[in-house]
């Protein structure tokens, strides 16, 4: 029996290794592996398989006790989680600015309560610009796991074994159907909420309940190759704006193929070798430590180069291994040299949890304990919270929670008797609207903008973005007469897309301007200022964190391109980051209201000169 269990575990540990490597690479360089976040989905399917297998075994042996199950889960997960949360809070005190430190205290408290997914859903998305200032953001998935552990054993306790299969299929279908719906209605809800993740756990659970495993080596090998190829395809092809149901569904299919093929010799070789097993056994601890390490390092030192990525990846494994040996194993394994009895384990966990929770609550309530700073530095660190209303968020600027067909016609209808301007693009277009209204007071400014939506035809797979572009280029521009159409995106990388726009506008006689990519920072300007802690040398420090992205353009007339970099960078050594003592940026990419006003003034002057010529 022991041999059978060991043979079963070995490929599973390799699958866990595959999952943690995908997540780690994604967090280190999402451009290289844009869909690496799907490693979390693979973890969910594996958890569904393993937990269901254990519940079935104990039920058959008459040993299924919910209290015992929950206590085992607490001993398995909570000690390492508690240490990670506590150490992250302590390290964040020295690195994060007060508002980010306060947010970390809040997320720590929700993480300890297994509600981190709800907390982050209420704040912003996993892929949002400020996600990289949240060192406990990854706790959302652990909260989803913990909610599964709370919910799923009840099904086994309440229903007879012959009902398990029925309920598993029902939950899988209902959950996936709801995810398909919410992928369009509210993607972030579908991403963070447990009900829309149930189908992933059920994908693994149904294999356990049905006892499905491919015994024929050829069939199992084919399934393994297909599952591996499908998962890697998803990791390299899908990205943050891909349809949630599509990415999840593909990953579940790939994961189920991997689980079906565990008996193949190839699975034993690739996923059951000592290296894969070593990584897989430490995958939980590595997952815990890697994201706080990356976030706090980037907050302290700026963007990552290749050497730093490799170094942080290796350190993640070293810290994960240490966390497993020092904390995870003593609480979990009776055979460990320093194992703790249940009474000692919970005797240690309860007061430490209470202390960590109290610390997190105090950090949150006291707004990160802001220190005394020079008056000018305080002014820089004050955030202008008008940006959401000034961008018309929820109406003419759609976040990932919004649907395009809810956008009112007032956002894009022209007004007779006025010059009409249309603003198209992503959030970097929306944050410019405020300044344009000030610089073009006699114009009517229409706006169709959506988060992460490249305005160029065929630019991405997002349903919202495609519906926006289809409406604009197949319907609206042929029926509305604009004096000027402005298109902007964070970085113009594809000259062919720009050429397509030029041809489209030229054929219809529409005047347009591309507003080029602006200078950006490799981390939050507020973090840089807070870390510098003095006015002396602050400008030089800020300039050292500025990145200038060169746009790729075809040979279209220069009258159609406005360079934001030329406008925001008066010289080759200096770019604008503050205006009259107020920050021009509210995060590494987006302009504050004063920054929007500044760039719009430069554009208005350029446009006036363009008309005169």
Foldseek 3Di string as FASTA:
>chain_A
DVVVVLLLVQLVLLLLLQLLVLVLVCLQPCLQFQQSPCSLLLVLLSLLQVVLLVLVVCVVVVNDDLVVLLLLVCLQAPFLLLVLLLVLLVLCLQFPALLLSLVSLVLSLCLLVLRNLVVDLVPAACPDQCVLSHLCNLSLSVSLVVVCSVPVSVCVVPDDLVCPLVVLVVLLVVLLVVLQVCLFQFVSCLVRDNSNSSNSSSLSNNCSSVVAADQPQVQLVVLLVVLVVQLSCLRRPDHDQARPSVSSVSNSSSSSSSSNNSNHPVSCVNRNDPVSNLSSVLSSLLSSNLRSLSSRCCLHPFRDDPVRSVVSSVVSSVRSVVSCLPTNCLSNPPPRPNHDDSVVSVVVPVVSSVVSSVVSVCSNVCSRVRDDADPLLVQALDADPCQCVQLVEPAQEDESNHHPVRHDPLQPAADPPAAEEEFEEEVQRSSLNLQQCVLCVRYHYHGHYYHPAQLFPPPDNRPRNNVSNCCVQVPDPVPHAHQEYEGEYQAAEDQVSVVVVVVSCVVVVHHYAYEHHAKFFSWFLSSQSVSVRDPVCSQVSRLVGIDDHDHDHDPDDPLRYDYNHVQQAVDPRHGDQDDPSYGQARIRGHGGSVVSNSSSNVVSVSNVVSVVD
